[in-house]
C-alpha atoms as a PDB file:
ATOM      1  CA  ASP A   1     106.369  52.758 -56.406  1.00  0.00           C
ATOM      2  CA  ALA A   2     103.229  51.705 -54.535  1.00  0.00           C
ATOM      3  CA  SER A   3     102.992  48.081 -55.673  1.00  0.00           C
ATOM      4  CA  PRO A   4     106.511  46.995 -54.623  1.00  0.00           C
ATOM      5  CA  LEU A   5     106.136  48.901 -51.354  1.00  0.00           C
ATOM      6  CA  VAL A   6     102.789  47.249 -50.555  1.00  0.00           C
ATOM      7  CA  GLU A   7     104.358  43.836 -51.227  1.00  0.00           C
ATOM      8  CA  ALA A   8     107.344  44.637 -48.992  1.00  0.00           C
ATOM      9  CA  LEU A   9     105.118  45.892 -46.166  1.00  0.00           C
ATOM     10  CA  ARG A  10     102.886  42.828 -46.328  1.00  0.00           C
ATOM     11  CA  ALA A  11     105.923  40.524 -46.450  1.00  0.00           C
ATOM     12  CA  ALA A  12     107.093  42.231 -43.246  1.00  0.00           C
ATOM     13  CA  ASP A  13     103.656  41.501 -41.721  1.00  0.00           C
ATOM     14  CA  LEU A  14     102.752  45.213 -41.572  1.00  0.00           C
ATOM     15  CA  ARG A  15      99.177  46.172 -42.352  1.00  0.00           C
ATOM     16  CA  VAL A  16      98.643  48.585 -45.227  1.00  0.00           C
ATOM     17  CA  THR A  17      95.610  50.052 -46.981  1.00  0.00           C
ATOM     18  CA  GLU A  18      96.072  51.393 -50.515  1.00  0.00           C
ATOM     19  CA  VAL A  19      93.830  54.116 -51.966  1.00  0.00           C
ATOM     20  CA  LEU A  20      94.322  54.722 -55.703  1.00  0.00           C
ATOM     21  CA  SER A  21      93.653  57.968 -57.563  1.00  0.00           C
ATOM     22  CA  ARG A  22      94.506  59.787 -60.789  1.00  0.00           C
ATOM     23  CA  GLY A  23      95.477  63.380 -61.121  1.00  0.00           C
ATOM     24  CA  GLY A  24      98.153  65.978 -61.375  1.00  0.00           C
ATOM     25  CA  PHE A  25     100.230  66.524 -64.447  1.00  0.00           C
ATOM     26  CA  LEU A  26      99.479  63.962 -67.178  1.00  0.00           C
ATOM     27  CA  GLN A  27      96.659  62.479 -65.075  1.00  0.00           C
ATOM     28  CA  ALA A  28      99.161  60.036 -63.608  1.00  0.00           C
ATOM     29  CA  ARG A  29      98.151  57.204 -61.275  1.00  0.00           C
ATOM     30  CA  ASN A  30      98.764  58.011 -57.619  1.00  0.00           C
ATOM     31  CA  ALA A  31      98.422  55.974 -54.460  1.00  0.00           C
ATOM     32  CA  MET A  32      97.995  56.906 -50.837  1.00  0.00           C
ATOM     33  CA  LEU A  33      99.040  54.228 -48.379  1.00  0.00           C
ATOM     34  CA  TYR A  34      97.813  54.094 -44.813  1.00  0.00           C
ATOM     35  CA  ILE A  35     100.242  52.137 -42.655  1.00  0.00           C
ATOM     36  CA  GLY A  36      99.450  51.692 -38.971  1.00  0.00           C
ATOM     37  CA  VAL A  37     102.346  50.491 -36.851  1.00  0.00           C
ATOM     38  CA  GLU A  38     103.418  50.487 -33.237  1.00  0.00           C
ATOM     39  CA  ASP A  39     106.054  53.036 -32.178  1.00  0.00           C
ATOM     40  CA  ASP A  40     108.827  50.437 -32.265  1.00  0.00           C
ATOM     41  CA  GLN A  41     107.943  49.529 -35.900  1.00  0.00           C
ATOM     42  CA  VAL A  42     108.180  53.051 -37.347  1.00  0.00           C
ATOM     43  CA  ALA A  43     111.886  52.794 -38.196  1.00  0.00           C
ATOM     44  CA  HIS A  44     111.338  49.471 -39.994  1.00  0.00           C
ATOM     45  CA  ALA A  45     108.383  50.843 -41.975  1.00  0.00           C
ATOM     46  CA  MET A  46     110.426  53.934 -42.919  1.00  0.00           C
ATOM     47  CA  ALA A  47     113.316  51.744 -44.079  1.00  0.00           C
ATOM     48  CA  LEU A  48     110.947  49.786 -46.334  1.00  0.00           C
ATOM     49  CA  ILE A  49     109.575  53.023 -47.767  1.00  0.00           C
ATOM     50  CA  GLU A  50     113.087  54.330 -48.467  1.00  0.00           C
ATOM     51  CA  GLU A  51     114.103  51.036 -50.118  1.00  0.00           C
ATOM     52  CA  ASN A  52     111.074  50.916 -52.423  1.00  0.00           C
ATOM     53  CA  CYS A  53     110.281  54.537 -53.329  1.00  0.00           C
ATOM     54  CA  ARG A  54     112.445  56.711 -55.553  1.00  0.00           C
ATOM     55  CA  SER A  55     111.794  59.983 -57.370  1.00  0.00           C
ATOM     56  CA  ARG A  56     112.781  59.917 -61.015  1.00  0.00           C
ATOM     57  CA  THR A  57     112.678  62.217 -64.014  1.00  0.00           C
ATOM     58  CA  GLU A  58     110.825  61.255 -67.179  1.00  0.00           C
ATOM     59  CA  ASN A  59     110.876  62.961 -70.553  1.00  0.00           C
ATOM     60  CA  VAL A  60     107.447  64.151 -71.648  1.00  0.00           C
ATOM     61  CA  PRO A  61     106.605  64.491 -75.346  1.00  0.00           C
ATOM     62  CA  ALA A  62     104.500  67.638 -75.877  1.00  0.00           C
ATOM     63  CA  GLU A  63     102.985  66.814 -79.260  1.00  0.00           C
ATOM     64  CA  PRO A  64     100.912  63.760 -78.200  1.00  0.00           C
ATOM     65  CA  LEU A  65      99.267  65.950 -75.577  1.00  0.00           C
ATOM     66  CA  GLY A  66      97.948  68.229 -78.321  1.00  0.00           C
ATOM     67  CA  VAL A  67      99.407  71.383 -76.827  1.00  0.00           C
ATOM     68  CA  ASP A  68     102.010  73.941 -77.792  1.00  0.00           C
ATOM     69  CA  ALA A  69     105.445  72.466 -77.068  1.00  0.00           C
ATOM     70  CA  ASN A  70     106.874  75.929 -76.346  1.00  0.00           C
ATOM     71  CA  TRP A  71     105.387  76.127 -72.860  1.00  0.00           C
ATOM     72  CA  MET A  72     105.394  72.458 -71.868  1.00  0.00           C
ATOM     73  CA  PRO A  73     108.142  71.079 -69.630  1.00  0.00           C
ATOM     74  CA  THR A  74     110.265  68.468 -71.328  1.00  0.00           C
ATOM     75  CA  GLN A  75     110.835  66.566 -68.098  1.00  0.00           C
ATOM     76  CA  VAL A  76     108.594  65.690 -65.163  1.00  0.00           C
ATOM     77  CA  THR A  77     109.691  64.339 -61.783  1.00  0.00           C
ATOM     78  CA  HIS A  78     107.450  61.647 -60.342  1.00  0.00           C
ATOM     79  CA  GLY A  79     107.534  58.712 -57.974  1.00  0.00           C
ATOM     80  CA  GLY A  80     108.942  58.756 -54.481  1.00  0.00           C
ATOM     81  CA  ALA A  81     106.996  59.211 -51.287  1.00  0.00           C
ATOM     82  CA  THR A  82     105.781  61.892 -48.931  1.00  0.00           C
ATOM     83  CA  VAL A  83     105.486  60.475 -45.425  1.00  0.00           C
ATOM     84  CA  PHE A  84     103.525  61.801 -42.457  1.00  0.00           C
ATOM     85  CA  VAL A  85     104.209  60.138 -39.098  1.00  0.00           C
ATOM     86  CA  LEU A  86     101.371  60.883 -36.707  1.00  0.00           C
ATOM     87  CA  PRO A  87     100.670  59.615 -33.210  1.00  0.00           C
ATOM     88  CA  VAL A  88      97.324  57.873 -32.788  1.00  0.00           C
ATOM     89  CA  ASP A  89      95.716  57.899 -29.349  1.00  0.00           C
ATOM     90  CA  ARG A  90      93.270  55.142 -30.172  1.00  0.00           C
ATOM     91  CA  PHE A  91      92.324  52.871 -33.020  1.00  0.00           C
ATOM     92  CA  GLU A  92      89.822  50.045 -33.407  1.00  0.00           C
ATOM     93  CA  ARG A  93      89.908  47.223 -35.918  1.00  0.00           C
ATOM     94  CA  LEU A  94      86.338  46.280 -36.800  1.00  0.00           C
END
């Protein structure tokens, strides 16, 4: 979900920094986005996040992972977004 969201944020002239990682179940690609906006832009940024990020369920084959299929989940939920809205007293762009 990160790539379409980054494009939408940039198209809306909102600054975003993307930090990529891998981890969790299946060593999936993850992204953390830092989006700094003024108070009056929070609702717009949230709307863009809601439009571009969706959780979904994916079937996971156990055999290619080389583990016993009896204990592996057959479905994994991924995607979506967790959002923290924090006030910032001061920031500097260097």
